[in-house]
Protein backbone atom coordinates (compact mmCIF):
# COMPACT_ATOMS: atom_id res chain seq x y z
CA MET A 1 0.01 -0.02 0.01
CA LYS A 2 1.42 3.29 -1.05
CA ILE A 3 1.70 6.06 1.53
CA MET A 4 1.67 9.69 0.43
CA THR A 5 2.64 13.00 1.83
CA GLN A 6 0.37 16.03 1.89
CA THR A 7 2.21 17.48 -1.10
CA GLU A 8 1.79 14.22 -3.06
CA VAL A 9 -1.92 14.13 -2.28
CA ILE A 10 -2.41 17.76 -3.34
CA HIS A 11 -0.61 17.01 -6.68
CA ARG A 12 -2.67 13.84 -7.22
CA ILE A 13 -6.09 15.53 -6.59
CA GLU A 14 -6.06 18.64 -8.82
CA SER A 15 -9.04 20.35 -7.28
CA LEU A 16 -7.80 19.89 -3.63
CA THR A 17 -6.03 22.73 -1.91
CA VAL A 18 -3.96 22.61 1.25
CA ARG A 19 -6.57 24.81 2.96
CA ARG A 20 -9.48 22.45 2.04
CA LEU A 21 -7.35 19.38 2.95
CA ASN A 22 -6.76 20.81 6.36
CA LEU A 23 -10.40 21.57 6.76
CA TYR A 24 -11.31 18.01 5.90
CA ILE A 25 -8.85 16.76 8.51
CA ARG A 26 -10.22 19.15 11.19
CA GLN A 27 -13.75 18.09 10.34
CA GLY A 28 -12.74 14.46 10.80
CA TRP A 29 -13.79 13.61 7.22
CA VAL A 30 -10.28 11.98 6.69
CA ALA A 31 -7.80 10.91 9.38
CA PRO A 32 -4.32 10.52 8.07
CA ALA A 33 -1.64 8.86 10.17
CA THR A 34 0.58 11.44 11.73
CA THR A 35 4.28 11.14 12.36
CA SER A 36 6.41 13.60 14.23
CA ALA A 37 7.34 15.23 10.90
CA GLU A 38 4.19 15.13 8.79
CA GLN A 39 0.86 13.57 7.95
CA ARG A 40 0.84 10.34 5.96
CA PHE A 41 -2.09 9.49 3.68
CA SER A 42 -2.99 5.89 2.64
CA GLU A 43 -4.54 4.96 -0.64
CA ILE A 44 -7.87 4.70 1.17
CA ASP A 45 -7.42 8.27 2.58
CA VAL A 46 -6.70 9.45 -0.99
CA ALA A 47 -9.78 7.67 -2.38
CA ARG A 48 -11.92 9.26 0.41
CA LEU A 49 -10.52 12.67 -0.42
CA GLN A 50 -11.27 12.12 -4.07
CA PHE A 51 -14.80 11.13 -3.15
CA ILE A 52 -15.26 14.28 -0.97
CA GLU A 53 -14.00 16.49 -3.79
CA HIS A 54 -16.43 14.71 -6.16
CA LEU A 55 -19.27 15.34 -3.78
CA ARG A 56 -18.42 19.00 -3.35
CA MET A 57 -17.24 20.01 -6.84
CA ASP A 58 -19.20 17.69 -9.20
CA MET A 59 -22.37 16.99 -7.25
CA ALA A 60 -22.54 20.43 -5.42
CA ILE A 61 -22.98 18.78 -2.00
CA ASN A 62 -22.57 21.44 0.72
CA ASP A 63 -20.27 21.14 3.72
CA ALA A 64 -23.21 20.42 5.99
CA ALA A 65 -24.31 17.37 3.95
CA VAL A 66 -20.84 15.91 3.38
CA PRO A 67 -20.63 14.20 6.76
CA VAL A 68 -24.07 12.71 6.31
CA VAL A 69 -23.06 11.21 2.93
CA LEU A 70 -19.73 9.95 4.35
CA SER A 71 -21.51 8.38 7.30
CA LEU A 72 -23.95 6.56 4.96
CA VAL A 73 -21.09 5.36 2.73
CA ASP A 74 -19.18 4.16 5.74
CA GLN A 75 -22.21 2.25 6.98
CA ILE A 76 -22.67 0.63 3.51
CA HIS A 77 -18.99 -0.45 3.51
CA GLY A 78 -19.40 -1.83 7.07
CA LEU A 79 -22.48 -3.77 6.12
CA ARG A 80 -20.76 -5.18 2.96
CA HIS A 81 -17.86 -6.40 5.13
CA GLN A 82 -20.33 -8.02 7.54
CA LEU A 83 -22.25 -9.70 4.74
CA LYS A 84 -18.98 -10.96 3.26
CA SER A 85 -18.02 -12.48 6.65
CA ILE A 86 -21.49 -14.03 7.01
CA GLY A 87 -21.26 -15.48 3.46
CA GLN A 88 -17.87 -16.95 4.24
CA ALA A 89 -19.20 -18.55 7.50
CA ILE A 90 -22.16 -19.99 5.61
CA GLU A 91 -19.88 -21.48 2.91
CA GLN A 92 -17.99 -23.40 5.63
CA GLN A 93 -21.11 -25.22 6.78
CA ASP A 94 -22.22 -28.54 5.50
CA HIS A 95 -24.81 -28.76 2.70
CA GLY A 96 -27.77 -29.28 5.02
CA VAL A 97 -26.98 -26.28 7.12
CA ARG A 98 -26.40 -24.10 4.07
CA LYS A 99 -29.78 -25.19 2.62
CA ALA A 100 -31.50 -24.45 5.90
CA ILE A 101 -30.05 -20.97 6.02
CA VAL A 102 -30.96 -20.26 2.39
CA ASP A 103 -34.51 -21.44 3.04
CA ALA A 104 -34.81 -19.32 6.17
CA ILE A 105 -33.56 -16.23 4.26
CA ARG A 106 -36.10 -16.94 1.53
CA ASP A 107 -38.89 -17.24 4.09
CA ALA A 108 -37.86 -14.08 5.86
CA THR A 109 -37.59 -12.06 2.68
CA GLY A 110 -40.71 -13.29 1.09
CA ALA A 111 -38.71 -14.77 -1.82
CA ASN A 112 -40.98 -17.78 -1.95
CA THR A 113 -44.19 -15.74 -2.38
CA GLN A 114 -45.56 -15.20 -5.79
CA GLY A 115 -47.33 -12.12 -6.97
């Protein structure tokens, strides 16, 4: 995983300024690792910054709405991770248990009902 400095991040994301980057950090929208010398940004931090810039610049999302959107995206990513873990746990079960789980999910979601 590549780690970047603030200068590298600013050069990589054309629309991002040092002032806005520092604002995003103060707001807690991105949390780079900090060494005694400088902040260090992971690829995930950079992707998040690109997403924030896309929200603000391309989609005209205001500063008040950005944390709401980020929270929703974070929740979606968390749920996807949980679903992946559940799927892996189910795959490790024997056929009968897997079938029972699939049937229970179908019943719970109404997948067996027609109409």
